[in-house]
Protein backbone atom coordinates (compact mmCIF):
# COMPACT_ATOMS: atom_id res chain seq x y z
CA MET A 1 0.00 0.00 0.00
CA MET A 2 1.27 3.40 -0.90
CA SER A 3 2.95 5.32 1.89
CA CYS A 4 0.53 8.24 1.45
CA LEU A 5 -2.63 6.19 1.92
CA HIS A 6 -3.82 8.08 4.98
CA ARG A 7 -2.59 11.54 3.97
CA PHE A 8 -5.61 13.40 2.76
CA SER A 9 -7.28 16.68 3.56
CA ARG A 10 -10.18 17.36 5.85
CA THR A 11 -12.19 18.60 2.88
CA LEU A 12 -11.92 15.33 0.97
CA ALA A 13 -12.38 13.24 4.09
CA ALA A 14 -15.72 14.96 4.69
CA THR A 15 -17.04 13.73 1.36
CA PHE A 16 -15.35 10.33 1.29
CA PHE A 17 -18.15 8.48 3.05
CA THR A 18 -21.00 10.12 1.13
CA LEU A 19 -22.62 7.35 -0.89
CA LEU A 20 -23.57 7.68 -4.51
CA SER A 21 -26.70 5.60 -4.95
CA LEU A 22 -26.49 3.55 -8.14
CA GLY A 23 -29.34 1.11 -7.62
CA ALA A 24 -28.76 -2.15 -9.48
CA SER A 25 -31.94 -1.63 -11.48
CA ALA A 26 -30.65 1.65 -12.88
CA GLY A 27 -27.76 0.00 -14.68
CA VAL A 28 -24.17 1.15 -14.96
CA ASP A 29 -23.15 2.79 -18.24
CA ILE A 30 -19.53 1.74 -18.77
CA GLN A 31 -17.81 3.43 -21.69
CA HIS A 32 -14.65 1.88 -23.10
CA TRP A 33 -11.98 2.88 -25.60
CA THR A 34 -8.26 2.51 -26.25
CA ALA A 35 -6.13 5.62 -25.82
CA SER A 36 -3.61 6.62 -28.46
CA THR A 37 -0.93 5.41 -26.05
CA GLY A 38 -2.36 1.89 -26.13
CA ALA A 39 -3.86 2.02 -22.63
CA ARG A 40 -7.35 0.55 -22.23
CA VAL A 41 -9.78 3.04 -20.68
CA PHE A 42 -13.04 2.34 -18.83
CA PHE A 43 -15.22 5.25 -17.75
CA VAL A 44 -18.41 5.82 -15.78
CA GLN A 45 -19.78 9.35 -15.52
CA ALA A 46 -21.17 10.06 -12.04
CA SER A 47 -22.15 13.66 -11.36
CA SER A 48 -23.74 13.44 -7.92
CA LEU A 49 -20.55 14.42 -6.11
CA PRO A 50 -17.69 16.76 -7.13
CA ILE A 51 -15.21 13.88 -6.89
CA LEU A 52 -12.99 12.11 -9.39
CA ASP A 53 -11.69 8.56 -8.80
CA VAL A 54 -8.97 7.15 -11.05
CA GLN A 55 -7.33 3.76 -10.87
CA ILE A 56 -4.57 2.58 -13.17
CA ASP A 57 -3.66 -1.11 -13.19
CA PHE A 58 -0.62 -2.77 -14.70
CA ALA A 59 0.05 -6.45 -15.33
CA ALA A 60 2.93 -6.10 -12.89
CA GLY A 61 2.10 -8.39 -9.99
CA GLY A 62 4.15 -11.19 -8.48
CA LEU A 63 3.23 -13.42 -11.43
CA TYR A 64 5.75 -11.51 -13.55
CA ALA A 65 8.72 -11.33 -11.18
CA PRO A 66 11.62 -13.80 -11.52
CA ARG A 67 11.42 -16.60 -8.96
CA GLU A 68 14.86 -15.73 -7.60
CA LEU A 69 13.72 -12.13 -7.04
CA SER A 70 10.35 -12.81 -5.45
CA GLY A 71 9.22 -9.61 -3.76
CA LEU A 72 10.38 -7.45 -6.67
CA ALA A 73 6.84 -6.58 -7.78
CA GLY A 74 5.88 -5.33 -4.34
CA LEU A 75 9.03 -3.29 -3.83
CA THR A 76 8.80 -1.70 -7.27
CA HIS A 77 5.21 -0.67 -6.64
CA GLY A 78 5.87 0.43 -3.07
CA LEU A 79 8.65 2.81 -4.05
CA LEU A 80 6.72 4.66 -6.75
CA ASP A 81 5.59 7.40 -4.37
CA THR A 82 8.82 7.60 -2.35
CA GLY A 83 10.51 9.77 -4.93
CA ALA A 84 9.43 11.03 -8.35
CA GLY A 85 10.67 13.80 -10.61
CA ALA A 86 12.40 16.33 -8.37
CA MET A 87 10.33 15.37 -5.29
CA ASP A 88 11.18 13.10 -2.37
CA GLU A 89 8.54 11.22 -0.39
CA GLU A 90 7.93 14.06 2.06
CA GLN A 91 7.36 16.51 -0.75
CA ILE A 92 4.97 14.12 -2.45
CA ALA A 93 3.04 13.76 0.79
CA ALA A 94 2.92 17.54 1.20
CA ARG A 95 1.58 17.95 -2.34
CA LEU A 96 -1.22 15.51 -1.55
CA VAL A 97 -2.17 17.44 1.55
CA ASP A 98 -2.09 20.70 -0.39
CA THR A 99 -4.40 19.39 -3.13
CA GLY A 100 -6.73 17.54 -0.76
CA ALA A 101 -6.18 14.30 -2.67
CA GLN A 102 -5.82 10.71 -1.57
CA LEU A 103 -3.28 8.40 -3.22
CA SER A 104 -3.35 4.70 -2.51
CA GLY A 105 -2.40 1.46 -4.17
CA SER A 106 -2.02 -2.28 -3.94
CA VAL A 107 -0.15 -5.12 -5.54
CA ASP A 108 -1.09 -8.77 -5.77
CA LEU A 109 -0.06 -11.75 -7.84
CA ASP A 110 -1.69 -10.44 -11.04
CA ARG A 111 -1.61 -6.65 -10.97
CA ALA A 112 -0.16 -3.52 -9.46
CA SER A 113 -2.62 -0.66 -8.92
CA LEU A 114 -2.49 3.03 -8.11
CA ARG A 115 -5.64 4.90 -7.15
CA LEU A 116 -6.28 8.62 -6.89
CA ARG A 117 -9.28 10.34 -5.33
CA THR A 118 -9.53 14.09 -5.80
CA LEU A 119 -12.00 16.94 -5.90
CA THR A 120 -13.04 18.01 -9.41
CA SER A 121 -12.46 21.74 -8.88
CA ALA A 122 -9.96 22.85 -11.50
CA ARG A 123 -6.88 23.51 -9.38
CA GLU A 124 -7.22 20.46 -7.15
CA ARG A 125 -7.95 18.13 -10.04
CA ASP A 126 -5.15 19.42 -12.25
CA ASP A 127 -2.52 19.43 -9.50
CA SER A 128 -3.39 15.97 -8.22
CA LEU A 129 -3.44 14.45 -11.71
CA GLU A 130 -0.06 16.00 -12.43
CA LEU A 131 1.25 14.47 -9.22
CA LEU A 132 -0.07 11.05 -10.21
CA ARG A 133 1.45 11.44 -13.68
CA THR A 134 4.83 12.22 -12.13
CA VAL A 135 4.66 9.27 -9.74
CA LEU A 136 3.73 6.96 -12.61
CA SER A 137 6.21 8.23 -15.18
CA GLU A 138 9.20 9.58 -13.26
CA PRO A 139 9.85 7.38 -10.21
CA SER A 140 13.40 7.79 -8.92
CA PHE A 141 13.56 4.65 -6.75
CA PRO A 142 15.87 6.24 -4.15
CA ALA A 143 18.53 3.74 -3.04
CA PRO A 144 18.31 4.64 0.70
CA VAL A 145 14.52 4.16 0.63
CA LEU A 146 14.94 0.80 -1.11
CA GLU A 147 17.28 -0.39 1.62
CA ARG A 148 14.82 0.80 4.27
CA GLU A 149 11.91 -0.99 2.63
CA LYS A 150 13.93 -4.16 2.07
CA SER A 151 14.78 -4.16 5.77
CA ARG A 152 11.11 -3.79 6.65
CA SER A 153 10.15 -6.60 4.28
CA VAL A 154 12.79 -8.92 5.70
CA SER A 155 11.60 -8.21 9.25
CA ALA A 156 8.00 -8.90 8.25
CA ILE A 157 8.97 -12.18 6.56
CA ARG A 158 10.95 -13.33 9.59
CA ASP A 159 8.01 -12.54 11.84
CA ALA A 160 5.60 -14.36 9.51
CA ASP A 161 7.86 -17.40 9.52
CA THR A 162 7.09 -17.85 13.24
CA ARG A 163 3.29 -17.70 12.95
CA PRO A 164 1.30 -20.86 12.15
CA ASP A 165 -1.21 -19.09 9.91
CA ALA A 166 1.50 -17.56 7.74
CA ILE A 167 3.57 -20.75 7.68
CA GLY A 168 0.52 -22.73 6.57
CA SER A 169 -0.51 -20.18 3.95
CA ARG A 170 2.95 -20.15 2.35
CA ARG A 171 3.25 -23.94 2.29
CA PHE A 172 -0.31 -24.28 0.99
CA ALA A 173 0.38 -21.95 -1.95
CA ALA A 174 3.59 -23.80 -2.77
CA ALA A 175 1.81 -27.16 -2.69
CA MET A 176 -1.06 -25.99 -4.90
CA TYR A 177 1.25 -24.29 -7.42
CA PRO A 178 4.54 -26.25 -7.24
CA ASP A 179 5.85 -25.15 -10.65
CA HIS A 180 4.09 -21.84 -11.09
CA PRO A 181 4.70 -18.23 -9.94
CA TYR A 182 1.45 -18.32 -7.94
CA GLY A 183 3.20 -20.68 -5.54
CA VAL A 184 6.27 -18.48 -5.02
CA GLN A 185 6.37 -15.98 -2.18
CA PRO A 186 9.07 -13.57 -1.03
CA SER A 187 11.75 -14.93 1.29
CA VAL A 188 14.56 -13.28 3.17
CA GLU A 189 16.99 -14.53 0.54
CA THR A 190 15.04 -13.29 -2.49
CA VAL A 191 14.33 -9.86 -1.00
CA GLU A 192 17.93 -9.31 0.04
CA LYS A 193 19.06 -9.98 -3.55
CA ILE A 194 16.93 -7.20 -5.05
CA SER A 195 18.86 -4.18 -6.29
CA ARG A 196 17.78 -0.78 -7.54
CA ASP A 197 18.68 -1.89 -11.07
CA ASP A 198 16.21 -4.76 -10.70
CA LEU A 199 13.46 -2.28 -9.79
CA VAL A 200 14.26 -0.07 -12.77
CA ARG A 201 14.25 -3.03 -15.18
CA PHE A 202 10.97 -4.37 -13.81
CA TYR A 203 9.38 -0.92 -13.95
CA ARG A 204 10.44 -0.34 -17.55
CA ALA A 205 9.23 -3.79 -18.60
CA ARG A 206 5.87 -3.86 -16.81
CA TYR A 207 4.71 -0.24 -16.40
CA GLN A 208 4.08 0.41 -20.09
CA ALA A 209 1.02 2.16 -21.47
CA ALA A 210 0.06 -0.87 -23.56
CA ASN A 211 0.20 -2.88 -20.34
CA ALA A 212 -2.13 -0.47 -18.49
CA THR A 213 -5.84 -0.33 -17.74
CA VAL A 214 -7.26 3.03 -16.66
CA ALA A 215 -10.57 3.12 -14.76
CA ILE A 216 -12.21 6.53 -14.26
CA ILE A 217 -15.42 7.41 -12.43
CA GLY A 218 -16.69 10.80 -11.37
CA ASP A 219 -18.01 14.21 -12.23
CA VAL A 220 -16.20 14.62 -15.56
CA THR A 221 -17.19 14.28 -19.20
CA ARG A 222 -16.01 11.58 -21.57
CA ALA A 223 -13.75 14.15 -23.24
CA ASP A 224 -12.27 14.96 -19.84
CA ALA A 225 -11.77 11.26 -19.12
CA ALA A 226 -10.04 10.72 -22.47
CA ALA A 227 -7.68 13.61 -21.77
CA ILE A 228 -6.93 12.26 -18.29
CA ALA A 229 -6.07 8.81 -19.62
CA GLU A 230 -3.80 10.26 -22.30
CA ARG A 231 -2.09 12.52 -19.78
CA LEU A 232 -1.41 9.74 -17.29
CA THR A 233 -0.04 7.24 -19.81
CA ALA A 234 1.75 9.34 -22.44
CA ALA A 235 5.11 9.41 -20.66
CA LEU A 236 5.18 5.81 -19.43
CA PRO A 237 8.19 3.69 -20.42
CA LYS A 238 8.46 2.70 -24.06
CA PRO A 239 8.29 -1.04 -24.69
CA VAL A 240 11.52 -2.91 -24.01
CA ILE A 241 9.95 -6.36 -24.06
CA ASP A 242 6.66 -7.84 -25.13
CA ALA A 243 4.51 -7.30 -22.04
CA LYS A 244 2.16 -10.04 -23.25
CA GLU A 245 4.73 -12.82 -23.19
CA ALA A 246 3.45 -16.35 -22.60
CA LEU A 247 3.02 -17.39 -18.97
CA PRO A 248 3.51 -20.91 -17.62
CA ALA A 249 0.31 -22.93 -17.46
CA VAL A 250 -1.13 -23.96 -14.10
CA GLN A 251 -0.67 -27.69 -13.56
CA LEU A 252 -3.03 -29.41 -11.14
CA PRO A 253 -1.19 -30.89 -8.14
CA LYS A 254 -1.55 -34.45 -6.91
CA ALA A 255 -3.63 -34.91 -3.78
CA GLU A 256 -1.48 -34.91 -0.66
CA THR A 257 -1.60 -34.09 3.03
CA ILE A 258 1.26 -32.08 4.52
CA ALA A 259 1.69 -31.92 8.29
CA LEU A 260 3.90 -29.18 9.72
CA ASP A 261 5.09 -29.15 13.32
CA HIS A 262 4.47 -26.06 15.42
CA PRO A 263 3.98 -25.50 19.19
CA ALA A 264 0.73 -23.55 18.72
CA SER A 265 -2.32 -24.71 20.70
CA GLN A 266 -4.54 -24.29 17.65
CA SER A 267 -4.17 -26.28 14.45
CA HIS A 268 -4.48 -24.37 11.18
CA ILE A 269 -6.00 -26.39 8.35
CA PHE A 270 -5.94 -25.47 4.65
CA VAL A 271 -7.65 -27.54 1.95
CA GLY A 272 -7.87 -26.64 -1.73
CA MET A 273 -6.60 -26.66 -5.30
CA PRO A 274 -6.26 -24.41 -8.35
CA ALA A 275 -9.78 -24.00 -9.66
CA VAL A 276 -10.94 -21.16 -11.90
CA GLU A 277 -9.73 -18.09 -13.76
CA ARG A 278 -11.44 -14.72 -14.10
CA GLY A 279 -14.14 -14.68 -16.75
CA HIS A 280 -14.70 -18.44 -16.82
CA PRO A 281 -18.39 -19.23 -17.51
CA ASP A 282 -18.46 -21.62 -14.55
CA TYR A 283 -17.58 -18.90 -12.06
CA ILE A 284 -21.17 -17.79 -11.43
CA PRO A 285 -22.44 -21.34 -10.68
CA LEU A 286 -19.38 -21.87 -8.46
CA LEU A 287 -20.07 -18.62 -6.61
CA VAL A 288 -23.72 -19.54 -6.09
CA GLY A 289 -22.84 -23.03 -4.88
CA ASN A 290 -20.07 -21.85 -2.61
CA TYR A 291 -22.50 -19.64 -0.71
CA THR A 292 -24.18 -22.82 0.48
CA LEU A 293 -20.99 -24.80 1.01
CA GLY A 294 -18.92 -22.34 3.00
CA GLY A 295 -19.26 -18.77 1.77
CA GLY A 296 -22.54 -17.87 3.43
CA GLY A 297 -21.38 -17.50 7.01
CA PHE A 298 -23.67 -19.07 9.58
CA VAL A 299 -26.06 -20.44 6.95
CA SER A 300 -23.34 -22.43 5.18
CA ARG A 301 -23.04 -26.19 5.56
CA LEU A 302 -19.45 -26.08 6.78
CA MET A 303 -20.35 -23.63 9.56
CA LYS A 304 -23.35 -25.69 10.62
CA GLU A 305 -21.53 -29.02 10.65
CA VAL A 306 -18.12 -27.98 11.94
CA ARG A 307 -19.03 -25.22 14.38
CA GLU A 308 -22.68 -25.40 15.37
CA LYS A 309 -23.14 -29.16 15.63
CA ARG A 310 -19.68 -30.14 16.88
CA GLY A 311 -17.95 -27.01 18.15
CA TYR A 312 -14.71 -27.84 16.37
CA ALA A 313 -14.00 -24.31 15.18
CA TYR A 314 -15.06 -20.74 15.82
CA SER A 315 -15.02 -20.03 12.11
CA VAL A 316 -14.78 -22.10 8.95
CA GLY A 317 -15.41 -21.12 5.36
CA SER A 318 -14.66 -21.72 1.72
CA SER A 319 -13.96 -19.41 -1.21
CA PHE A 320 -13.03 -19.18 -4.86
CA SER A 321 -10.39 -16.58 -5.75
CA PRO A 322 -10.30 -16.27 -9.54
CA ARG A 323 -7.14 -14.84 -11.06
CA LYS A 324 -5.64 -14.27 -14.50
CA GLN A 325 -4.90 -17.98 -14.46
CA ALA A 326 -6.66 -20.62 -12.38
CA GLY A 327 -7.00 -19.17 -8.89
CA PRO A 328 -7.55 -21.30 -5.80
CA PHE A 329 -10.58 -22.90 -4.24
CA GLN A 330 -9.85 -22.98 -0.53
CA ILE A 331 -11.38 -24.18 2.73
CA GLY A 332 -9.83 -22.99 5.96
CA LEU A 333 -10.34 -23.41 9.69
CA GLN A 334 -8.61 -23.36 13.06
CA THR A 335 -9.29 -25.91 15.75
CA LYS A 336 -7.75 -27.40 18.89
CA ARG A 337 -4.78 -29.47 17.87
CA ASN A 338 -6.12 -32.62 19.56
CA GLN A 339 -9.18 -32.60 17.30
CA ALA A 340 -7.58 -31.53 14.03
CA ASN A 341 -8.05 -34.87 12.29
CA THR A 342 -11.67 -35.26 13.36
CA ALA A 343 -12.47 -31.71 12.25
CA LEU A 344 -10.77 -32.39 8.92
CA ALA A 345 -12.82 -35.57 8.51
CA VAL A 346 -16.05 -33.61 8.98
CA LEU A 347 -14.85 -30.97 6.52
CA ASN A 348 -14.12 -33.62 3.88
CA GLU A 349 -17.45 -35.33 4.50
CA VAL A 350 -19.35 -32.06 3.98
CA LEU A 351 -17.43 -31.40 0.77
CA THR A 352 -17.96 -34.93 -0.55
CA THR A 353 -21.69 -34.73 0.10
CA PHE A 354 -21.95 -31.36 -1.58
CA LEU A 355 -20.09 -32.59 -4.66
CA ALA A 356 -22.50 -35.52 -4.88
CA GLU A 357 -25.75 -33.68 -4.19
CA GLY A 358 -25.26 -29.95 -4.75
CA PRO A 359 -27.44 -27.45 -2.90
CA SER A 360 -31.05 -28.07 -1.98
CA ALA A 361 -33.76 -25.98 -3.65
CA ILE A 362 -34.12 -23.90 -0.48
CA GLU A 363 -30.36 -23.36 -0.20
CA LEU A 364 -30.12 -22.40 -3.86
CA SER A 365 -32.89 -19.81 -3.53
CA ALA A 366 -31.30 -18.27 -0.41
CA ALA A 367 -27.88 -18.12 -2.08
CA LYS A 368 -29.25 -16.32 -5.12
CA LYS A 369 -31.09 -13.74 -3.04
CA ASN A 370 -28.08 -12.92 -0.89
CA LEU A 371 -25.69 -12.66 -3.83
CA ILE A 372 -28.02 -10.42 -5.83
CA ASP A 373 -28.71 -8.17 -2.83
CA GLY A 374 -24.99 -8.10 -2.04
CA MET A 375 -24.12 -6.89 -5.52
CA ALA A 376 -26.51 -3.94 -5.15
CA LEU A 377 -24.70 -2.92 -1.97
CA GLY A 378 -21.36 -3.53 -3.65
CA ILE A 379 -21.81 -0.67 -6.13
CA ASP A 380 -23.52 1.93 -3.95
CA SER A 381 -20.56 4.32 -3.91
CA ASN A 382 -18.03 5.62 -6.40
CA ALA A 383 -15.17 3.94 -4.56
CA LYS A 384 -16.85 0.53 -4.61
CA LEU A 385 -17.87 0.86 -8.22
CA LEU A 386 -14.31 1.81 -9.17
CA GLY A 387 -13.13 -1.50 -7.77
CA TYR A 388 -15.51 -3.41 -10.04
CA LEU A 389 -14.70 -1.16 -12.99
CA SER A 390 -10.99 -1.87 -12.65
CA VAL A 391 -11.59 -5.63 -12.44
CA ILE A 392 -13.83 -5.54 -15.52
CA GLY A 393 -11.17 -3.64 -17.43
CA PHE A 394 -8.08 -5.49 -16.28
CA TYR A 395 -9.51 -8.99 -16.75
CA GLY A 396 -11.45 -8.24 -19.93
CA LEU A 397 -14.89 -9.00 -18.52
CA PRO A 398 -18.00 -7.97 -20.50
CA LEU A 399 -18.99 -4.31 -20.14
CA ASN A 400 -22.46 -5.40 -19.02
CA TYR A 401 -21.04 -7.64 -16.28
CA LEU A 402 -22.66 -5.69 -13.43
CA ASP A 403 -26.04 -5.41 -15.13
CA ALA A 404 -26.00 -9.07 -16.19
CA PHE A 405 -24.88 -10.41 -12.81
CA PRO A 406 -28.36 -10.62 -11.16
CA ARG A 407 -29.86 -12.28 -14.22
CA LYS A 408 -27.05 -14.81 -14.48
CA VAL A 409 -27.21 -15.64 -10.78
CA GLU A 410 -30.99 -16.06 -10.91
CA ALA A 411 -30.67 -18.45 -13.88
CA VAL A 412 -28.29 -20.87 -12.11
CA THR A 413 -29.72 -24.37 -11.52
CA ARG A 414 -28.77 -27.08 -9.02
CA GLU A 415 -27.50 -29.19 -11.90
CA GLN A 416 -25.22 -26.38 -13.08
CA VAL A 417 -23.79 -25.96 -9.58
CA LYS A 418 -23.09 -29.68 -9.29
CA ALA A 419 -21.52 -29.87 -12.73
CA ALA A 420 -19.33 -26.81 -12.17
CA PHE A 421 -18.12 -28.03 -8.78
CA ASN A 422 -17.27 -31.46 -10.13
CA ARG A 423 -15.31 -29.89 -12.98
CA HIS A 424 -13.27 -27.56 -10.76
CA VAL A 425 -13.15 -29.15 -7.28
CA ARG A 426 -11.61 -32.58 -7.68
CA PRO A 427 -10.55 -34.65 -4.66
CA ASP A 428 -7.73 -36.30 -6.63
CA HIS A 429 -6.05 -32.89 -6.86
CA MET A 430 -6.88 -31.47 -3.43
CA VAL A 431 -3.98 -30.40 -1.23
CA THR A 432 -4.28 -30.40 2.58
CA VAL A 433 -1.90 -28.58 4.89
CA ILE A 434 -2.13 -28.96 8.66
CA VAL A 435 0.03 -26.78 10.91
CA ALA A 436 0.32 -27.82 14.59
CA GLY A 437 -1.72 -30.99 14.40
CA ASP A 438 -1.28 -33.87 16.85
CA PRO A 439 -0.74 -37.35 15.36
CA GLY A 440 -3.82 -39.48 15.93
CA SER A 441 -6.01 -36.52 16.88
């Protein structure tokens, strides 16, 4: 997350929590074009508040970093606002305060994102956009700041390597994706190897205009939005490599159970496999079915069987996390270490039954209602809508995705849920990781 995440003015903070009602029935008019720079632009005009939200995403996540330099994507992204043009990080922070803008960002396995929220009054908008342009196009990657951030990363990794949840999560990812970048996570060794030259090379290779998606929502016209996109991407690095190079395919792992020793009193259990990519037609049936299996909180089968009936865990749930390539299906829980195996047996029994039977008619109806209602709440502000807009743009989802979502959810049948689950959740490829379990529990 960008270092200036919480540096914003009182004026903007006062309007930040004002919701822009975009009722699902009203539809969302997403306009799309490609800028002359090659950047893909997605725009929604929203005039209820004098606010502009811009997010620019690059295919520059951990998926694209060399294995031996894992952590490079995060460091490159994290240093963008620590020095740019003639400014250092304190001057950048001061400029944000002066303009009343908010700059934030994130990086994951697929993408690196920068987000700007600003008022649409002429001076504030122009100054904040110029600041974002400078951060995007002229990062200086100061060597002293890099060493500071590497030190922080190393400390965080060493701390994580003592905690059972982090240990399990890392081993689980590696087991699900043994020969793929999705299974690689930063280590002390990989972070310590990273040099400033590595950051510069990664930036020049991945932060290109043709590798960018620009999402814009707010009180501006389409002409304004087009000018903003051109301005932000015109000075990005010129191509030095093909940013669309082939990526390694995800290979399904063989089923295995991995037990890791740890003195913790609670066992941490992870079960899952690579399952589905963004935009796959099975994702909606999987989402609907997962609400019943483990995504619906207290109404889910896993919660009822593992927690309510047996008291094995305070919380248990399942999820699908679609990515550019097949993202994971995962079930997770914590339980007393002397009952880890019995809790795992119940978990597997619930999953096996669901794969065989699918949801009941009552469960299916409840899942649909909650998902449709949840989507309406998920786009009731500019900030929330920007998140969906950026996903639609980055992953190439249909422009009518938000409008079509309720209809597609409502059309899902029990047979479609069963078929989708059996295609993507296969016991012969399920990996189980148990941290701090007792033998024979």
